[in-house]
Amino acid sequence: MSFNTFGKLFRFTTWGESHGPAIGCIIDGCPPLIDLSDKDIQTDLDKRKPGQSKFTTQRKESDKVQILSGVFEGKTTGTPISLIIYNQDMRPKDYASIKNKFRPGHADFTYFKKYGIRDYRGGGRSSARETASRVAAGAVAKKVLEKKLGKRFSVSGAVTQLGILGCDTSNWNKKIISNNPFFCPDKSMIKIWEKYLLDIRKSGSSCGAIIEVRANGVPAGLGAPIYSKLDMDIASAMMSINAVKGVNIGSGMSSAQLSGEENSDEISVKKKKLKFNSNNAGGILGGISSGQEIIVSFAVKPTSSILKSKKTIDKFGRNTSISTKGRHDPCVGIRAVPVGEAMLACVLLDHYLMNKAQCM
């Protein structure tokens, strides 16, 4: 299977399957002399790992990462960084009863049609378990950006809509986001979301979510027109995440409803300091960063593995029905927050390195 590598100068290749012995990634293009330890990566992996609350899958994985290469005496060497995460709580037997059936909404049917073989153990390579490797790569990207851009740089994500229930993002607070199981930025919605998702889980169904990721401290000038625009690569990165079905940069789809006066982000100078009066562009103009906060949001569809019986076919072309047992997230979008942060960090570092190579 090809196309398992992401990025141009900062590149990572992920490998492994959901219920195989291990997953991991190889990072190439990381600058040397960056302080890096297992702990630096583990912090982000702990945000994504399963089994942390009653609102996520109860699969128990510590997601403990081990650096195998590319780091010496606590610093990156400029050579490939190899990372491994051993799977611990595999239960392939949970999928034995559906090994010949295609789960609606999953990649079972399309993988089988393309390759003629299917790893039925939780979807194998198509499982969202693969995203742990991306989070590990993103943690490395963050460390590099923090050193190169300083303390002003940060990436933070949150769930801004759970199913049909949105929230107020005007008081974006990282402490609130990190201290509730939904990564919700609006304290007043946490209890409401809790009841809503518990009811969905008890009914044997699932719901989708919208995740927003913001990056601050990004300098103006990142992006390479015409065919490697910053927003183009960000959108591609987010669409590569499992279950993502739509991406907005800044006002995104809503910009179609605005007038020219409303949509244009007016610019002024006060005391030699540049000021934008709004940020409908999401910090990107003409595919190049403007120096404003970069804002991207993406929609995650409802988890396709549900207890309710659904019609499908088997690999022999016969009509049948399926009910997916096992351990599944009632809303897979919740754990997509650190994945979105990681992918944005990887794109920003990639473009930082390209810009430095050409313009600095």
Protein backbone atom coordinates (compact mmCIF):
# COMPACT_ATOMS: atom_id res chain seq x y z
CA MET A 1 0.00 0.00 0.00
CA SER A 2 1.47 3.37 -1.01
CA PHE A 3 0.91 6.95 0.16
CA ASN A 4 1.61 6.43 3.84
CA THR A 5 3.97 9.41 3.98
CA PHE A 6 2.89 12.97 4.76
CA GLY A 7 4.83 16.21 4.20
CA LYS A 8 7.55 17.60 1.95
CA LEU A 9 10.56 18.64 4.05
CA PHE A 10 9.24 17.55 7.44
CA ARG A 11 7.91 14.11 6.55
CA PHE A 12 6.49 11.24 8.55
CA THR A 13 5.49 7.73 7.52
CA THR A 14 3.06 5.81 9.72
CA TRP A 15 2.79 2.03 9.89
CA GLY A 16 0.87 -0.71 11.73
CA GLU A 17 -2.67 -1.98 12.21
CA SER A 18 -5.32 -1.58 14.90
CA HIS A 19 -4.98 -5.10 16.33
CA GLY A 20 -1.43 -5.89 15.18
CA PRO A 21 1.52 -6.07 17.59
CA ALA A 22 2.45 -2.39 17.30
CA ILE A 23 2.00 0.89 15.46
CA GLY A 24 4.48 3.68 14.89
CA CYS A 25 6.03 6.23 12.59
CA ILE A 26 9.32 7.32 11.08
CA ILE A 27 9.99 11.07 10.96
CA ASP A 28 12.45 12.44 8.43
CA GLY A 29 13.55 16.06 8.06
CA CYS A 30 13.49 17.02 11.73
CA PRO A 31 16.15 19.68 12.39
CA PRO A 32 19.01 18.71 14.70
CA LEU A 33 19.68 19.92 18.25
CA ILE A 34 16.03 19.99 19.35
CA ASP A 35 15.50 18.82 22.94
CA LEU A 36 13.33 15.70 22.71
CA SER A 37 12.41 12.85 25.05
CA ASP A 38 9.73 10.16 25.29
CA LYS A 39 7.95 12.38 27.83
CA ASP A 40 7.63 15.27 25.36
CA ILE A 41 5.72 13.02 22.97
CA GLN A 42 3.79 11.13 25.67
CA THR A 43 2.05 14.31 26.87
CA ASP A 44 0.20 14.64 23.57
CA LEU A 45 -0.44 10.91 23.22
CA ASP A 46 -2.11 10.89 26.63
CA LYS A 47 -4.68 13.37 25.31
CA ARG A 48 -5.65 10.97 22.50
CA LYS A 49 -5.41 7.56 24.17
CA PRO A 50 -8.62 5.52 24.63
CA GLY A 51 -10.35 4.48 27.83
CA GLN A 52 -9.96 7.78 29.69
CA SER A 53 -13.67 8.38 30.31
CA LYS A 54 -17.09 6.80 29.85
CA PHE A 55 -17.48 8.91 26.70
CA THR A 56 -14.80 7.11 24.70
CA THR A 57 -14.00 3.53 23.75
CA GLN A 58 -13.10 1.36 26.73
CA ARG A 59 -10.16 -0.22 24.93
CA LYS A 60 -7.27 0.05 27.40
CA GLU A 61 -4.10 1.28 25.74
CA SER A 62 -1.35 3.17 27.54
CA ASP A 63 -0.03 4.35 24.16
CA LYS A 64 3.44 4.41 25.67
CA VAL A 65 5.88 5.65 23.04
CA GLN A 66 9.51 4.61 22.66
CA ILE A 67 12.09 6.53 20.63
CA LEU A 68 14.24 4.02 18.72
CA SER A 69 16.48 6.35 16.71
CA GLY A 70 17.28 9.94 15.79
CA VAL A 71 17.86 11.21 19.34
CA PHE A 72 21.20 11.20 21.19
CA GLU A 73 21.84 12.59 24.66
CA GLY A 74 18.40 14.18 24.68
CA LYS A 75 18.71 16.03 21.36
CA THR A 76 17.62 15.27 17.81
CA THR A 77 20.49 14.40 15.51
CA GLY A 78 18.93 15.34 12.16
CA THR A 79 18.61 11.68 11.20
CA PRO A 80 15.32 9.75 10.94
CA ILE A 81 13.39 9.50 14.21
CA SER A 82 11.74 6.11 14.63
CA LEU A 83 8.88 5.83 17.13
CA ILE A 84 7.04 2.69 18.26
CA ILE A 85 3.85 2.20 20.30
CA TYR A 86 3.05 -1.38 21.26
CA ASN A 87 -0.60 -2.42 21.18
CA GLN A 88 -1.66 -4.01 24.48
CA ASP A 89 -5.42 -4.56 24.47
CA MET A 90 -6.08 -6.29 21.16
CA ARG A 91 -9.29 -8.28 20.79
CA PRO A 92 -9.47 -9.49 17.19
CA LYS A 93 -12.03 -12.11 18.29
CA ASP A 94 -14.55 -9.28 18.71
CA TYR A 95 -14.60 -9.02 14.92
CA ALA A 96 -14.60 -12.72 14.01
CA SER A 97 -18.39 -12.81 13.56
CA ILE A 98 -18.29 -9.99 10.98
CA LYS A 99 -15.13 -10.94 9.09
CA ASN A 100 -17.14 -11.64 5.93
CA LYS A 101 -19.51 -8.67 6.33
CA PHE A 102 -18.90 -5.09 5.31
CA ARG A 103 -19.70 -2.52 8.00
CA PRO A 104 -21.78 0.36 6.53
CA GLY A 105 -19.94 3.67 6.73
CA HIS A 106 -16.55 1.97 7.15
CA ALA A 107 -13.75 1.40 4.65
CA ASP A 108 -14.32 -2.39 4.69
CA PHE A 109 -15.99 -2.50 1.27
CA THR A 110 -13.63 -0.09 -0.49
CA TYR A 111 -10.43 -1.64 0.92
CA PHE A 112 -11.63 -5.08 -0.20
CA LYS A 113 -12.53 -3.85 -3.69
CA LYS A 114 -9.15 -2.12 -4.05
CA TYR A 115 -6.78 -4.71 -2.57
CA GLY A 116 -8.73 -7.97 -2.70
CA ILE A 117 -7.93 -8.59 0.98
CA ARG A 118 -9.30 -7.08 4.16
CA ASP A 119 -7.98 -6.95 7.70
CA TYR A 120 -11.26 -7.31 9.58
CA ARG A 121 -9.63 -6.78 13.02
CA GLY A 122 -11.11 -3.38 13.75
CA GLY A 123 -10.45 -2.17 10.24
CA GLY A 124 -6.72 -2.86 10.36
CA ARG A 125 -4.92 -0.01 8.62
CA SER A 126 -8.10 2.05 8.16
CA SER A 127 -8.73 2.18 11.91
CA ALA A 128 -8.45 5.49 13.78
CA ARG A 129 -5.82 3.76 15.91
CA GLU A 130 -3.37 4.88 13.22
CA THR A 131 -3.82 8.48 14.39
CA ALA A 132 -1.73 7.82 17.51
CA SER A 133 1.30 7.78 15.21
CA ARG A 134 0.30 11.17 13.78
CA VAL A 135 -0.03 12.63 17.26
CA ALA A 136 3.49 11.43 18.04
CA ALA A 137 4.81 13.13 14.88
CA GLY A 138 2.87 16.28 15.74
CA ALA A 139 4.43 16.40 19.21
CA VAL A 140 7.86 16.47 17.58
CA ALA A 141 6.73 19.22 15.18
CA LYS A 142 5.49 21.32 18.11
CA LYS A 143 8.85 21.01 19.88
CA VAL A 144 10.66 22.29 16.78
CA LEU A 145 8.24 25.18 16.24
CA GLU A 146 8.40 26.19 19.89
CA LYS A 147 12.17 26.44 19.64
CA LYS A 148 12.20 28.25 16.28
CA LEU A 149 9.26 30.62 16.91
CA GLY A 150 9.51 31.03 20.67
CA LYS A 151 6.92 30.96 23.43
CA ARG A 152 4.45 32.98 21.37
CA PHE A 153 3.77 29.88 19.26
CA SER A 154 0.96 27.56 20.35
CA VAL A 155 -1.58 25.17 18.85
CA SER A 156 -4.82 24.38 20.65
CA GLY A 157 -7.97 22.54 19.62
CA ALA A 158 -11.47 22.04 21.01
CA VAL A 159 -14.78 20.39 20.19
CA THR A 160 -17.13 23.24 19.27
CA GLN A 161 -20.16 21.12 18.39
CA LEU A 162 -21.25 17.71 19.64
CA GLY A 163 -23.94 16.25 17.42
CA ILE A 164 -26.67 18.90 17.20
CA LEU A 165 -25.40 20.87 20.21
CA GLY A 166 -23.01 23.75 19.62
CA CYS A 167 -21.26 25.95 22.17
CA ASP A 168 -19.95 29.48 22.71
CA THR A 169 -16.32 29.76 21.57
CA SER A 170 -15.96 33.46 22.36
CA ASN A 171 -14.33 32.66 25.71
CA TRP A 172 -11.72 30.21 24.39
CA ASN A 173 -9.94 29.00 27.51
CA LYS A 174 -7.23 26.35 27.32
CA LYS A 175 -7.62 25.45 31.01
CA ILE A 176 -11.32 24.69 30.55
CA ILE A 177 -10.62 22.74 27.34
CA SER A 178 -8.04 20.51 29.01
CA ASN A 179 -10.11 19.90 32.14
CA ASN A 180 -13.21 18.23 30.72
CA PRO A 181 -13.66 14.94 28.81
CA PHE A 182 -15.09 16.66 25.71
CA PHE A 183 -12.33 19.23 25.09
CA CYS A 184 -15.20 21.74 25.30
CA PRO A 185 -14.26 25.45 25.55
CA ASP A 186 -17.65 26.45 26.99
CA LYS A 187 -18.03 25.48 30.65
CA SER A 188 -21.81 25.95 30.58
CA MET A 189 -22.26 23.15 27.98
CA ILE A 190 -20.29 20.37 29.66
CA LYS A 191 -23.15 18.89 31.72
CA ILE A 192 -25.55 19.23 28.79
CA TRP A 193 -23.15 17.40 26.47
CA GLU A 194 -22.63 14.72 29.11
CA LYS A 195 -26.34 13.86 29.28
CA TYR A 196 -26.71 14.09 25.50
CA LEU A 197 -23.85 11.68 24.75
CA LEU A 198 -24.79 9.21 27.49
CA ASP A 199 -28.31 8.99 26.02
CA ILE A 200 -26.84 8.37 22.55
CA ARG A 201 -24.51 5.67 23.88
CA LYS A 202 -27.34 3.92 25.78
CA SER A 203 -29.43 3.86 22.60
CA GLY A 204 -26.65 2.00 20.78
CA SER A 205 -26.02 4.86 18.35
CA SER A 206 -23.37 7.57 17.87
CA CYS A 207 -23.00 11.23 16.89
CA GLY A 208 -20.59 13.45 14.99
CA ALA A 209 -18.68 16.55 16.03
CA ILE A 210 -17.01 19.73 14.83
CA ILE A 211 -13.45 20.41 15.98
CA GLU A 212 -11.70 23.78 15.78
CA VAL A 213 -7.93 24.16 15.92
CA ARG A 214 -6.14 27.48 16.40
CA ALA A 215 -2.46 28.34 15.95
CA ASN A 216 -0.94 31.50 17.39
CA GLY A 217 2.51 32.99 16.88
CA VAL A 218 2.74 31.92 13.24
CA PRO A 219 4.78 34.45 11.24
CA ALA A 220 3.52 36.03 8.04
CA GLY A 221 4.86 34.53 4.82
CA LEU A 222 4.36 30.78 5.22
CA GLY A 223 2.82 29.13 2.18
CA ALA A 224 3.94 28.42 -1.37
CA PRO A 225 1.59 29.48 -4.16
CA ILE A 226 0.22 28.17 -6.36
CA TYR A 227 0.11 24.44 -5.72
CA SER A 228 1.22 24.26 -2.11
CA LYS A 229 -0.86 26.97 -0.53
CA LEU A 230 -0.83 26.86 3.24
CA ASP A 231 -4.62 26.53 3.50
CA MET A 232 -4.61 23.88 0.78
CA ASP A 233 -2.12 21.75 2.68
CA ILE A 234 -3.96 22.30 5.98
CA ALA A 235 -7.24 21.21 4.39
CA SER A 236 -5.54 18.14 2.91
CA ALA A 237 -4.05 17.29 6.32
CA MET A 238 -7.41 17.51 8.08
CA MET A 239 -9.24 15.57 5.38
CA SER A 240 -6.70 12.75 5.81
CA ILE A 241 -7.91 12.19 9.39
CA ASN A 242 -10.30 9.25 9.81
CA ALA A 243 -14.02 10.13 9.57
CA VAL A 244 -13.45 13.79 8.56
CA LYS A 245 -15.97 14.88 5.91
CA GLY A 246 -15.50 18.64 5.67
CA VAL A 247 -12.97 21.41 6.42
CA ASN A 248 -13.33 25.18 6.93
CA ILE A 249 -10.52 27.74 6.97
CA GLY A 250 -11.63 30.83 8.90
CA SER A 251 -15.25 31.59 7.98
CA GLY A 252 -15.10 28.75 5.46
CA MET A 253 -18.46 27.79 4.00
CA SER A 254 -20.15 30.62 5.92
CA SER A 255 -18.21 33.18 3.88
CA ALA A 256 -20.59 32.52 0.99
CA GLN A 257 -23.31 34.22 3.05
CA LEU A 258 -21.27 37.37 3.73
CA SER A 259 -21.11 40.57 1.71
CA GLY A 260 -17.82 41.91 0.42
CA GLU A 261 -17.79 44.52 3.17
CA GLU A 262 -18.41 41.92 5.86
CA ASN A 263 -15.90 39.39 4.58
CA SER A 264 -12.91 41.66 3.92
CA ASP A 265 -10.53 41.81 6.87
CA GLU A 266 -9.68 45.51 7.00
CA ILE A 267 -6.09 46.43 7.86
CA SER A 268 -4.79 49.46 9.72
CA VAL A 269 -1.64 50.64 11.49
CA LYS A 270 -1.58 52.14 14.97
CA LYS A 271 1.68 53.18 16.61
CA LYS A 272 3.52 51.25 13.87
CA LYS A 273 1.65 48.11 14.82
CA LEU A 274 -0.35 46.25 12.18
CA LYS A 275 -3.96 45.48 13.01
CA PHE A 276 -6.63 43.40 11.26
CA ASN A 277 -10.19 44.32 12.23
CA SER A 278 -11.44 40.75 11.66
CA ASN A 279 -10.18 37.31 10.66
CA ASN A 280 -12.63 35.77 8.21
CA ALA A 281 -9.64 34.50 6.22
CA GLY A 282 -8.49 32.35 9.13
CA GLY A 283 -5.01 33.86 9.07
CA ILE A 284 -4.28 32.93 5.44
CA LEU A 285 -4.48 35.19 2.36
CA GLY A 286 -3.65 33.92 -1.11
CA GLY A 287 -2.37 30.70 0.42
CA ILE A 288 0.17 32.60 2.58
CA SER A 289 -0.02 33.20 6.34
CA SER A 290 -0.83 36.79 7.31
CA GLY A 291 0.55 36.66 10.85
CA GLN A 292 -2.93 36.44 12.32
CA GLU A 293 -4.26 33.52 14.31
CA ILE A 294 -4.73 30.53 12.01
CA ILE A 295 -8.16 28.98 12.47
CA VAL A 296 -9.30 25.71 10.93
CA SER A 297 -12.35 23.61 11.74
CA PHE A 298 -13.42 20.20 10.50
CA ALA A 299 -16.49 17.98 10.71
CA VAL A 300 -16.22 14.39 11.94
CA LYS A 301 -19.02 12.01 11.00
CA PRO A 302 -20.77 9.79 13.58
CA THR A 303 -18.89 6.61 14.55
CA SER A 304 -19.94 3.97 12.01
CA SER A 305 -19.60 1.01 14.41
CA ILE A 306 -22.90 0.96 16.30
CA LEU A 307 -24.95 -1.65 18.15
CA LYS A 308 -28.11 -1.00 16.14
CA SER A 309 -28.66 -3.51 13.34
CA LYS A 310 -28.05 -2.18 9.81
CA LYS A 311 -28.46 -3.68 6.35
CA THR A 312 -25.31 -4.60 4.43
CA ILE A 313 -23.80 -7.26 2.16
CA ASP A 314 -21.08 -9.85 2.69
CA LYS A 315 -17.98 -10.43 0.56
CA PHE A 316 -19.88 -13.06 -1.42
CA GLY A 317 -22.39 -10.44 -2.57
CA ARG A 318 -25.29 -11.62 -0.41
CA ASN A 319 -27.70 -9.36 1.50
CA THR A 320 -27.37 -9.56 5.27
CA SER A 321 -27.49 -7.39 8.39
CA ILE A 322 -24.85 -6.36 10.90
CA SER A 323 -24.58 -5.12 14.47
CA THR A 324 -21.05 -4.17 15.48
CA LYS A 325 -20.13 -5.29 18.97
CA GLY A 326 -16.86 -4.51 20.72
CA ARG A 327 -15.52 -1.23 22.14
CA HIS A 328 -16.27 1.91 20.18
CA ASP A 329 -16.43 5.66 20.73
CA PRO A 330 -19.99 7.03 20.82
CA CYS A 331 -18.40 10.15 19.30
CA VAL A 332 -15.04 9.57 17.63
CA GLY A 333 -14.71 13.32 17.13
CA ILE A 334 -13.75 13.88 20.77
CA ARG A 335 -10.40 12.12 20.41
CA ALA A 336 -9.82 13.85 17.06
CA VAL A 337 -8.86 17.08 18.88
CA PRO A 338 -5.17 16.16 19.51
CA VAL A 339 -5.03 14.64 16.03
CA GLY A 340 -6.12 17.93 14.47
CA GLU A 341 -3.55 19.79 16.58
CA ALA A 342 -0.83 17.40 15.43
CA MET A 343 -1.65 17.67 11.74
CA LEU A 344 -1.74 21.48 11.89
CA ALA A 345 1.64 21.54 13.65
CA CYS A 346 3.15 19.23 11.03
CA VAL A 347 1.90 21.40 8.15
CA LEU A 348 3.16 24.59 9.80
CA LEU A 349 6.62 23.14 10.42
CA ASP A 350 6.79 21.80 6.88
CA HIS A 351 5.99 25.26 5.49
CA TYR A 352 8.32 26.98 7.95
CA LEU A 353 11.20 24.85 6.67
CA MET A 354 10.25 25.43 3.02
CA ASN A 355 9.99 29.18 3.58
CA LYS A 356 13.35 29.24 5.36
CA ALA A 357 14.96 27.33 2.48
CA GLN A 358 13.65 29.73 -0.15
CA CYS A 359 13.31 33.15 1.48
CA MET A 360 15.58 33.31 4.53
